[in-house]
Every structure is written in C-alpha cells, then in structure tokens.
N, C-alpha and C. Protein backbone atom coordinates (compact mmCIF):
# COMPACT_ATOMS: atom_id res chain seq x y z
N MET A 1 6.33 -28.60 -21.25
CA MET A 1 7.24 -27.51 -21.57
C MET A 1 8.38 -27.49 -20.57
N ARG A 2 9.57 -27.45 -21.07
CA ARG A 2 10.74 -27.42 -20.22
C ARG A 2 10.83 -26.07 -19.52
N PHE A 3 11.23 -26.07 -18.28
CA PHE A 3 11.35 -24.86 -17.45
C PHE A 3 10.00 -24.20 -17.19
N GLN A 4 8.94 -24.98 -17.23
CA GLN A 4 7.61 -24.45 -16.89
C GLN A 4 7.62 -23.88 -15.48
N TRP A 5 8.46 -24.47 -14.62
CA TRP A 5 8.55 -23.99 -13.24
C TRP A 5 8.96 -22.53 -13.18
N LEU A 6 9.81 -22.12 -14.12
CA LEU A 6 10.25 -20.72 -14.14
C LEU A 6 9.09 -19.81 -14.51
N LYS A 7 8.33 -20.19 -15.51
CA LYS A 7 7.18 -19.38 -15.91
C LYS A 7 6.17 -19.29 -14.77
N ASP A 8 5.91 -20.42 -14.10
CA ASP A 8 4.98 -20.43 -12.97
C ASP A 8 5.48 -19.53 -11.84
N TYR A 9 6.76 -19.61 -11.57
CA TYR A 9 7.35 -18.77 -10.51
C TYR A 9 7.23 -17.29 -10.87
N GLN A 10 7.54 -16.97 -12.11
CA GLN A 10 7.46 -15.58 -12.57
C GLN A 10 6.03 -15.05 -12.49
N ASP A 11 5.08 -15.88 -12.89
CA ASP A 11 3.67 -15.47 -12.81
C ASP A 11 3.27 -15.20 -11.36
N LEU A 12 3.66 -16.07 -10.46
CA LEU A 12 3.35 -15.90 -9.05
C LEU A 12 4.02 -14.64 -8.50
N ASP A 13 5.25 -14.42 -8.88
CA ASP A 13 5.98 -13.23 -8.43
C ASP A 13 5.31 -11.95 -8.94
N ASN A 14 4.87 -11.97 -10.19
CA ASN A 14 4.18 -10.80 -10.75
C ASN A 14 2.85 -10.55 -10.06
N GLN A 15 2.14 -11.62 -9.71
CA GLN A 15 0.87 -11.46 -9.00
C GLN A 15 1.10 -10.84 -7.62
N ILE A 16 2.16 -11.25 -6.95
CA ILE A 16 2.47 -10.70 -5.63
C ILE A 16 2.79 -9.21 -5.74
N VAL A 17 3.59 -8.85 -6.72
CA VAL A 17 3.93 -7.44 -6.91
C VAL A 17 2.68 -6.63 -7.20
N TYR A 18 1.81 -7.15 -8.06
CA TYR A 18 0.57 -6.44 -8.36
C TYR A 18 -0.28 -6.26 -7.11
N LEU A 19 -0.41 -7.31 -6.31
CA LEU A 19 -1.21 -7.21 -5.09
C LEU A 19 -0.61 -6.19 -4.12
N LYS A 20 0.71 -6.17 -4.01
CA LYS A 20 1.35 -5.17 -3.14
C LYS A 20 1.08 -3.76 -3.65
N TRP A 21 1.14 -3.60 -4.96
CA TRP A 21 0.85 -2.30 -5.56
C TRP A 21 -0.60 -1.91 -5.29
N ASN A 22 -1.52 -2.85 -5.46
CA ASN A 22 -2.94 -2.62 -5.22
C ASN A 22 -3.19 -2.30 -3.73
N LEU A 23 -2.51 -3.02 -2.85
CA LEU A 23 -2.63 -2.77 -1.42
C LEU A 23 -2.16 -1.36 -1.08
N ASN A 24 -1.07 -0.96 -1.66
CA ASN A 24 -0.54 0.38 -1.43
C ASN A 24 -1.54 1.45 -1.89
N LYS A 25 -2.11 1.26 -3.07
CA LYS A 25 -3.10 2.22 -3.59
C LYS A 25 -4.32 2.27 -2.68
N SER A 26 -4.76 1.11 -2.22
CA SER A 26 -5.94 1.06 -1.33
C SER A 26 -5.66 1.76 -0.01
N LYS A 27 -4.47 1.58 0.53
CA LYS A 27 -4.12 2.24 1.79
C LYS A 27 -4.02 3.76 1.61
N LEU A 28 -3.50 4.17 0.46
CA LEU A 28 -3.45 5.60 0.18
C LEU A 28 -4.85 6.19 0.08
N GLU A 29 -5.74 5.46 -0.57
CA GLU A 29 -7.12 5.94 -0.70
C GLU A 29 -7.79 6.00 0.68
N LEU A 30 -7.59 4.97 1.49
CA LEU A 30 -8.16 4.97 2.84
C LEU A 30 -7.63 6.15 3.64
N ASN A 31 -6.37 6.44 3.47
CA ASN A 31 -5.75 7.57 4.14
C ASN A 31 -6.43 8.89 3.75
N ARG A 32 -6.79 9.00 2.49
CA ARG A 32 -7.50 10.20 2.03
C ARG A 32 -8.87 10.30 2.68
N TRP A 33 -9.57 9.18 2.85
CA TRP A 33 -10.89 9.17 3.46
C TRP A 33 -10.82 9.49 4.95
N ILE A 34 -9.75 9.08 5.60
CA ILE A 34 -9.64 9.29 7.05
C ILE A 34 -9.06 10.66 7.38
N TYR A 35 -7.95 11.03 6.73
CA TYR A 35 -7.22 12.24 7.10
C TYR A 35 -7.26 13.35 6.05
N GLY A 36 -7.60 13.01 4.85
CA GLY A 36 -7.39 13.95 3.76
C GLY A 36 -8.61 14.67 3.26
N ASP A 37 -8.56 14.98 2.00
CA ASP A 37 -9.56 15.82 1.36
C ASP A 37 -10.94 15.16 1.28
N LEU A 38 -11.02 13.87 1.53
CA LEU A 38 -12.32 13.18 1.47
C LEU A 38 -12.90 12.90 2.85
N SER A 39 -12.24 13.37 3.89
CA SER A 39 -12.66 13.05 5.25
C SER A 39 -14.04 13.61 5.59
N GLY A 40 -14.47 14.66 4.93
CA GLY A 40 -15.78 15.24 5.21
C GLY A 40 -16.89 14.72 4.32
N VAL A 41 -16.56 13.86 3.38
CA VAL A 41 -17.55 13.35 2.44
C VAL A 41 -18.29 12.17 3.07
N ARG A 42 -19.58 12.18 2.89
CA ARG A 42 -20.42 11.12 3.43
C ARG A 42 -20.36 9.90 2.52
N LEU A 43 -20.18 8.72 3.10
CA LEU A 43 -20.08 7.49 2.33
C LEU A 43 -21.45 6.83 2.17
N GLU A 44 -21.67 6.26 1.03
CA GLU A 44 -22.86 5.46 0.80
C GLU A 44 -22.58 4.04 1.30
N LYS A 45 -23.60 3.35 1.74
CA LYS A 45 -23.45 2.04 2.36
C LYS A 45 -22.75 1.03 1.45
N ASN A 46 -23.10 0.99 0.20
CA ASN A 46 -22.55 -0.01 -0.71
C ASN A 46 -21.44 0.52 -1.62
N SER A 47 -20.87 1.65 -1.27
CA SER A 47 -19.82 2.21 -2.10
C SER A 47 -18.50 1.46 -1.90
N ARG A 48 -17.62 1.60 -2.86
CA ARG A 48 -16.31 0.96 -2.79
C ARG A 48 -15.54 1.45 -1.58
N ALA A 49 -15.62 2.72 -1.30
CA ALA A 49 -14.87 3.31 -0.19
C ALA A 49 -15.33 2.78 1.16
N SER A 50 -16.61 2.42 1.28
CA SER A 50 -17.11 1.93 2.56
C SER A 50 -16.53 0.57 2.93
N SER A 51 -16.04 -0.16 1.95
CA SER A 51 -15.47 -1.48 2.24
C SER A 51 -13.96 -1.52 2.05
N LEU A 52 -13.32 -0.36 2.02
CA LEU A 52 -11.88 -0.29 1.81
C LEU A 52 -11.08 -1.07 2.86
N GLU A 53 -11.43 -0.92 4.12
CA GLU A 53 -10.69 -1.59 5.18
C GLU A 53 -10.80 -3.11 5.04
N GLU A 54 -11.99 -3.60 4.70
CA GLU A 54 -12.17 -5.04 4.49
C GLU A 54 -11.36 -5.52 3.30
N ASN A 55 -11.35 -4.74 2.23
CA ASN A 55 -10.59 -5.11 1.04
C ASN A 55 -9.09 -5.14 1.33
N ILE A 56 -8.63 -4.22 2.14
CA ILE A 56 -7.21 -4.18 2.50
C ILE A 56 -6.83 -5.46 3.25
N VAL A 57 -7.67 -5.88 4.17
CA VAL A 57 -7.41 -7.12 4.92
C VAL A 57 -7.37 -8.32 3.96
N LYS A 58 -8.32 -8.37 3.02
CA LYS A 58 -8.36 -9.47 2.05
C LYS A 58 -7.10 -9.49 1.19
N ILE A 59 -6.67 -8.32 0.75
CA ILE A 59 -5.47 -8.24 -0.09
C ILE A 59 -4.25 -8.70 0.72
N GLU A 60 -4.15 -8.27 1.97
CA GLU A 60 -3.02 -8.69 2.81
C GLU A 60 -3.01 -10.20 3.01
N GLN A 61 -4.18 -10.79 3.19
CA GLN A 61 -4.26 -12.24 3.36
C GLN A 61 -3.85 -12.96 2.07
N GLU A 62 -4.28 -12.42 0.94
CA GLU A 62 -3.93 -13.02 -0.34
C GLU A 62 -2.42 -12.94 -0.59
N ILE A 63 -1.82 -11.81 -0.24
CA ILE A 63 -0.37 -11.66 -0.38
C ILE A 63 0.34 -12.69 0.49
N GLU A 64 -0.11 -12.84 1.71
CA GLU A 64 0.51 -13.81 2.62
C GLU A 64 0.42 -15.23 2.07
N LEU A 65 -0.73 -15.60 1.55
CA LEU A 65 -0.92 -16.93 0.97
C LEU A 65 0.00 -17.13 -0.23
N MET A 66 0.07 -16.15 -1.10
CA MET A 66 0.91 -16.27 -2.29
C MET A 66 2.40 -16.32 -1.92
N GLN A 67 2.80 -15.60 -0.89
CA GLN A 67 4.19 -15.65 -0.46
C GLN A 67 4.53 -17.02 0.12
N GLU A 68 3.57 -17.65 0.79
CA GLU A 68 3.78 -19.01 1.28
C GLU A 68 3.94 -19.97 0.09
N GLN A 69 3.10 -19.80 -0.93
CA GLN A 69 3.21 -20.63 -2.13
C GLN A 69 4.56 -20.42 -2.81
N GLN A 70 5.00 -19.18 -2.83
CA GLN A 70 6.28 -18.85 -3.45
C GLN A 70 7.43 -19.52 -2.69
N THR A 71 7.36 -19.53 -1.38
CA THR A 71 8.39 -20.18 -0.56
C THR A 71 8.41 -21.68 -0.83
N GLU A 72 7.23 -22.29 -0.91
CA GLU A 72 7.14 -23.71 -1.22
C GLU A 72 7.71 -24.00 -2.61
N MET A 73 7.37 -23.14 -3.55
CA MET A 73 7.85 -23.33 -4.91
C MET A 73 9.38 -23.21 -4.97
N LEU A 74 9.94 -22.25 -4.23
CA LEU A 74 11.40 -22.09 -4.20
C LEU A 74 12.08 -23.34 -3.64
N ALA A 75 11.48 -23.95 -2.62
CA ALA A 75 12.04 -25.17 -2.05
C ALA A 75 12.07 -26.29 -3.10
N ILE A 76 11.03 -26.37 -3.90
CA ILE A 76 10.99 -27.38 -4.96
C ILE A 76 12.04 -27.05 -6.03
N ILE A 77 12.11 -25.80 -6.43
CA ILE A 77 13.05 -25.37 -7.47
C ILE A 77 14.49 -25.64 -7.03
N GLU A 78 14.79 -25.41 -5.76
CA GLU A 78 16.14 -25.65 -5.24
C GLU A 78 16.55 -27.11 -5.38
N SER A 79 15.57 -28.00 -5.43
CA SER A 79 15.88 -29.43 -5.50
C SER A 79 16.22 -29.88 -6.92
N PHE A 80 15.93 -29.08 -7.93
CA PHE A 80 16.20 -29.46 -9.31
C PHE A 80 17.71 -29.52 -9.55
N LYS A 81 18.13 -30.53 -10.29
CA LYS A 81 19.55 -30.73 -10.57
C LYS A 81 19.86 -30.40 -12.02
N GLY A 82 21.12 -30.20 -12.30
CA GLY A 82 21.58 -29.96 -13.66
C GLY A 82 22.02 -28.52 -13.84
N ILE A 83 23.02 -28.36 -14.68
CA ILE A 83 23.61 -27.04 -14.89
C ILE A 83 22.63 -26.06 -15.52
N GLU A 84 21.78 -26.52 -16.43
CA GLU A 84 20.81 -25.63 -17.05
C GLU A 84 19.83 -25.09 -16.02
N ASN A 85 19.35 -25.97 -15.15
CA ASN A 85 18.44 -25.53 -14.08
C ASN A 85 19.13 -24.53 -13.17
N ASP A 86 20.41 -24.81 -12.86
CA ASP A 86 21.16 -23.89 -12.00
C ASP A 86 21.30 -22.50 -12.63
N ILE A 87 21.65 -22.49 -13.91
CA ILE A 87 21.82 -21.21 -14.62
C ILE A 87 20.50 -20.44 -14.66
N VAL A 88 19.42 -21.12 -15.02
CA VAL A 88 18.11 -20.46 -15.11
C VAL A 88 17.67 -19.95 -13.75
N ARG A 89 17.82 -20.78 -12.72
CA ARG A 89 17.42 -20.37 -11.36
C ARG A 89 18.22 -19.15 -10.89
N MET A 90 19.53 -19.22 -11.05
CA MET A 90 20.38 -18.12 -10.57
C MET A 90 20.14 -16.84 -11.35
N LYS A 91 19.92 -16.97 -12.65
CA LYS A 91 19.73 -15.78 -13.49
C LYS A 91 18.35 -15.15 -13.30
N TYR A 92 17.29 -15.97 -13.35
CA TYR A 92 15.95 -15.42 -13.42
C TYR A 92 15.18 -15.43 -12.10
N ILE A 93 15.70 -16.08 -11.10
CA ILE A 93 15.06 -16.02 -9.80
C ILE A 93 15.94 -15.26 -8.81
N GLU A 94 17.22 -15.61 -8.78
CA GLU A 94 18.12 -14.94 -7.84
C GLU A 94 18.66 -13.62 -8.39
N GLY A 95 18.57 -13.43 -9.71
CA GLY A 95 18.97 -12.16 -10.31
C GLY A 95 20.47 -11.97 -10.45
N LEU A 96 21.23 -13.06 -10.48
CA LEU A 96 22.68 -12.96 -10.61
C LEU A 96 23.08 -12.68 -12.05
N LYS A 97 24.24 -12.07 -12.22
CA LYS A 97 24.80 -11.85 -13.56
C LYS A 97 25.50 -13.13 -13.99
N LEU A 98 25.67 -13.30 -15.30
CA LEU A 98 26.26 -14.53 -15.81
C LEU A 98 27.67 -14.77 -15.27
N GLU A 99 28.42 -13.72 -15.07
CA GLU A 99 29.78 -13.87 -14.51
C GLU A 99 29.71 -14.40 -13.08
N GLU A 100 28.74 -13.92 -12.32
CA GLU A 100 28.56 -14.40 -10.94
C GLU A 100 28.11 -15.86 -10.93
N ILE A 101 27.25 -16.20 -11.88
CA ILE A 101 26.78 -17.58 -11.98
C ILE A 101 27.94 -18.50 -12.31
N ALA A 102 28.78 -18.08 -13.25
CA ALA A 102 29.94 -18.89 -13.63
C ALA A 102 30.82 -19.16 -12.41
N GLU A 103 31.02 -18.16 -11.62
CA GLU A 103 31.81 -18.32 -10.40
C GLU A 103 31.16 -19.31 -9.44
N GLU A 104 29.84 -19.20 -9.28
CA GLU A 104 29.09 -20.08 -8.38
C GLU A 104 29.13 -21.54 -8.80
N ILE A 105 28.95 -21.78 -10.10
CA ILE A 105 28.84 -23.16 -10.56
C ILE A 105 30.19 -23.76 -10.95
N GLY A 106 31.23 -22.94 -10.99
CA GLY A 106 32.56 -23.46 -11.25
C GLY A 106 32.89 -23.68 -12.71
N TYR A 107 32.22 -22.97 -13.59
CA TYR A 107 32.51 -23.04 -15.02
C TYR A 107 33.03 -21.68 -15.47
N SER A 108 33.62 -21.66 -16.66
CA SER A 108 34.13 -20.39 -17.18
C SER A 108 32.96 -19.48 -17.56
N ALA A 109 33.25 -18.19 -17.59
CA ALA A 109 32.22 -17.22 -17.96
C ALA A 109 31.76 -17.44 -19.40
N SER A 110 32.69 -17.78 -20.29
CA SER A 110 32.32 -17.98 -21.70
C SER A 110 31.43 -19.21 -21.85
N TYR A 111 31.72 -20.29 -21.12
CA TYR A 111 30.86 -21.47 -21.18
C TYR A 111 29.47 -21.15 -20.65
N THR A 112 29.42 -20.41 -19.55
CA THR A 112 28.14 -20.06 -18.94
C THR A 112 27.32 -19.19 -19.88
N ARG A 113 27.96 -18.20 -20.53
CA ARG A 113 27.25 -17.35 -21.50
C ARG A 113 26.72 -18.18 -22.67
N LYS A 114 27.55 -19.11 -23.16
CA LYS A 114 27.14 -19.97 -24.27
C LYS A 114 25.94 -20.83 -23.86
N LYS A 115 26.02 -21.43 -22.70
CA LYS A 115 24.93 -22.28 -22.21
C LYS A 115 23.65 -21.45 -22.03
N HIS A 116 23.80 -20.24 -21.50
CA HIS A 116 22.66 -19.36 -21.32
C HIS A 116 22.03 -19.00 -22.67
N ALA A 117 22.86 -18.73 -23.66
CA ALA A 117 22.35 -18.41 -25.00
C ALA A 117 21.58 -19.59 -25.58
N GLU A 118 22.06 -20.80 -25.36
CA GLU A 118 21.36 -21.99 -25.83
C GLU A 118 19.99 -22.11 -25.15
N ILE A 119 19.97 -21.86 -23.86
CA ILE A 119 18.72 -21.94 -23.11
C ILE A 119 17.73 -20.89 -23.60
N ARG A 120 18.23 -19.67 -23.77
CA ARG A 120 17.35 -18.57 -24.24
C ARG A 120 16.75 -18.87 -25.60
N SER A 121 17.53 -19.48 -26.47
CA SER A 121 17.01 -19.78 -27.81
C SER A 121 15.87 -20.80 -27.75
N LYS A 122 15.85 -21.61 -26.69
CA LYS A 122 14.79 -22.61 -26.53
C LYS A 122 13.55 -22.05 -25.84
N LEU A 123 13.70 -20.97 -25.13
CA LEU A 123 12.61 -20.47 -24.30
C LEU A 123 12.13 -19.10 -24.79
N ASP A 124 11.02 -19.11 -25.49
CA ASP A 124 10.47 -17.88 -26.04
C ASP A 124 10.03 -16.89 -24.97
N PHE A 125 9.54 -17.39 -23.85
CA PHE A 125 8.94 -16.51 -22.85
C PHE A 125 9.96 -15.67 -22.08
N LEU A 126 11.25 -15.91 -22.26
CA LEU A 126 12.24 -15.13 -21.52
C LEU A 126 12.29 -13.68 -21.98
N ASP A 127 12.02 -13.43 -23.27
CA ASP A 127 11.97 -12.04 -23.74
C ASP A 127 10.84 -11.30 -23.06
N ASP A 128 9.70 -11.97 -22.94
CA ASP A 128 8.55 -11.38 -22.25
C ASP A 128 8.90 -11.13 -20.78
N TYR A 129 9.66 -12.03 -20.19
CA TYR A 129 10.10 -11.88 -18.80
C TYR A 129 10.90 -10.59 -18.61
N GLU A 130 11.81 -10.33 -19.53
CA GLU A 130 12.64 -9.13 -19.44
C GLU A 130 11.77 -7.87 -19.41
N ALA A 131 10.76 -7.82 -20.27
CA ALA A 131 9.87 -6.66 -20.33
C ALA A 131 9.05 -6.54 -19.05
N LYS A 132 8.56 -7.67 -18.53
CA LYS A 132 7.77 -7.65 -17.31
C LYS A 132 8.61 -7.26 -16.10
N THR A 133 9.88 -7.60 -16.13
CA THR A 133 10.78 -7.24 -15.03
C THR A 133 10.89 -5.72 -14.91
N ILE A 134 10.98 -5.04 -16.02
CA ILE A 134 11.06 -3.58 -16.02
C ILE A 134 9.76 -2.99 -15.47
N GLU A 135 8.62 -3.53 -15.89
CA GLU A 135 7.32 -3.06 -15.41
C GLU A 135 7.17 -3.32 -13.91
N LYS A 136 7.63 -4.48 -13.48
CA LYS A 136 7.56 -4.85 -12.06
C LYS A 136 8.40 -3.90 -11.21
N GLN A 137 9.59 -3.59 -11.67
CA GLN A 137 10.47 -2.68 -10.93
C GLN A 137 9.85 -1.28 -10.84
N SER A 138 9.16 -0.88 -11.88
CA SER A 138 8.48 0.41 -11.86
C SER A 138 7.41 0.44 -10.77
N LYS A 139 6.63 -0.63 -10.65
CA LYS A 139 5.61 -0.71 -9.60
C LYS A 139 6.24 -0.71 -8.22
N LEU A 140 7.33 -1.45 -8.06
CA LEU A 140 8.01 -1.49 -6.76
C LEU A 140 8.56 -0.12 -6.38
N ASN A 141 9.10 0.58 -7.37
CA ASN A 141 9.61 1.94 -7.12
C ASN A 141 8.49 2.88 -6.70
N GLU A 142 7.32 2.74 -7.34
CA GLU A 142 6.18 3.57 -6.99
C GLU A 142 5.72 3.29 -5.56
N ILE A 143 5.66 2.02 -5.19
CA ILE A 143 5.28 1.65 -3.83
C ILE A 143 6.26 2.27 -2.83
N ASP A 144 7.54 2.13 -3.09
CA ASP A 144 8.56 2.69 -2.19
C ASP A 144 8.45 4.20 -2.09
N TYR A 145 8.20 4.85 -3.23
CA TYR A 145 8.10 6.31 -3.25
C TYR A 145 6.98 6.79 -2.34
N TYR A 146 5.79 6.20 -2.48
CA TYR A 146 4.65 6.64 -1.68
C TYR A 146 4.79 6.25 -0.21
N ASN A 147 5.38 5.09 0.05
CA ASN A 147 5.54 4.67 1.44
C ASN A 147 6.60 5.48 2.18
N ARG A 148 7.57 5.99 1.47
CA ARG A 148 8.64 6.77 2.08
C ARG A 148 8.09 8.04 2.73
N ASP A 149 7.13 8.69 2.10
CA ASP A 149 6.61 9.95 2.61
C ASP A 149 5.29 9.79 3.38
N ARG A 150 4.75 8.61 3.43
CA ARG A 150 3.43 8.39 4.01
C ARG A 150 3.35 8.84 5.46
N ASP A 151 4.30 8.48 6.27
CA ASP A 151 4.21 8.75 7.70
C ASP A 151 4.46 10.21 8.06
N LYS A 152 5.00 10.97 7.15
CA LYS A 152 5.30 12.38 7.45
C LYS A 152 4.04 13.18 7.68
N ASP A 153 3.10 13.12 6.75
CA ASP A 153 1.93 14.00 6.80
C ASP A 153 0.63 13.28 7.15
N LYS A 154 0.62 11.98 7.09
CA LYS A 154 -0.60 11.18 7.25
C LYS A 154 -1.52 11.35 6.06
N GLN A 155 -1.14 12.14 5.07
CA GLN A 155 -1.96 12.26 3.88
C GLN A 155 -1.04 12.38 2.67
N ILE A 156 -1.36 11.61 1.66
CA ILE A 156 -0.65 11.68 0.40
C ILE A 156 -1.69 11.75 -0.69
N SER A 157 -1.55 12.67 -1.56
CA SER A 157 -2.48 12.77 -2.66
C SER A 157 -2.04 11.82 -3.78
N LEU A 158 -3.00 11.18 -4.39
CA LEU A 158 -2.70 10.32 -5.53
C LEU A 158 -2.51 11.11 -6.81
N PHE A 159 -2.80 12.40 -6.74
CA PHE A 159 -2.73 13.21 -7.96
C PHE A 159 -1.68 14.28 -7.86
C-alpha cells in the first residue's frame, strides 16, 4: 500500500496521545487517593488502586519508548523523496496548510491543491484520519485542562 508509512505514523501518534490521556487519568486518580476524597479509604492488596503508582511508571516508560520510535520513524520519513511524499508529510505530519506547502515546495497553490486532491482520491484512510484528528485534539485539550488546575489544589475531581 502506498503511503503505508503515513498510516503507521498516525497509528503511533494516536497510541501516544491515548497513553498520555490514560497517564493523566491515572495521575488524577492517584491524586484522589493521596489528597482527596479517597484518602481515608482502605485499599485491598490486589485492587487496581493499590498498583496505581506502578502502572503510572509503566505508562510513562511506554510513552517514552513510543516517542523514540516516532522520532526514528520521522527520520525515515524525512528521507523519502518526491513531491507527493513532501505534500503528504507536510500536510498530515507537520500540519501545514496547502498554501504553506506550495510556498515550501516552490509550486503554485493551485498545482499543490490539485496534487493533494489526486493523492486523497487514492488514499481512503485519509477521511478516517480527519475524524481521528478531531478526537485526538479533544483528548489533548482534556489533558491540558486538568493539568492547568492540578497544582492549585492538589486535588481535582474527575466528576
């Protein structure tokens, strides 16, 4: 499949965002157990809450590993040649607008739009990418929202 690298990169990026979201939720829950409304509740030895700190460390390690893989993948992607690869990379990895891409690659905006339309018609998964991008941004916004107020009170309710 042509541009499989893009799908692989997108999948890896989505996994990283999910792990960051999961890490944030786990830290919020741990915060509730330490400082919040659950601080007086007795934990059972094999309960999920009793291993929260260990799970947080595992998630952080997994994020670090995936980010290293993502960096390696970007280095490979940067080596690909051809205008189609450039357009796809700039649009779907770097997040540039088609007009900005046209400026970067030295072609007219109309040619770049036409080339992009040709590429899109060949790649069914780009529509799915657009929908996942919106979902991903929602998760990132949620992470930012909770992290912004976290240090103020030392407790944030999930509800």
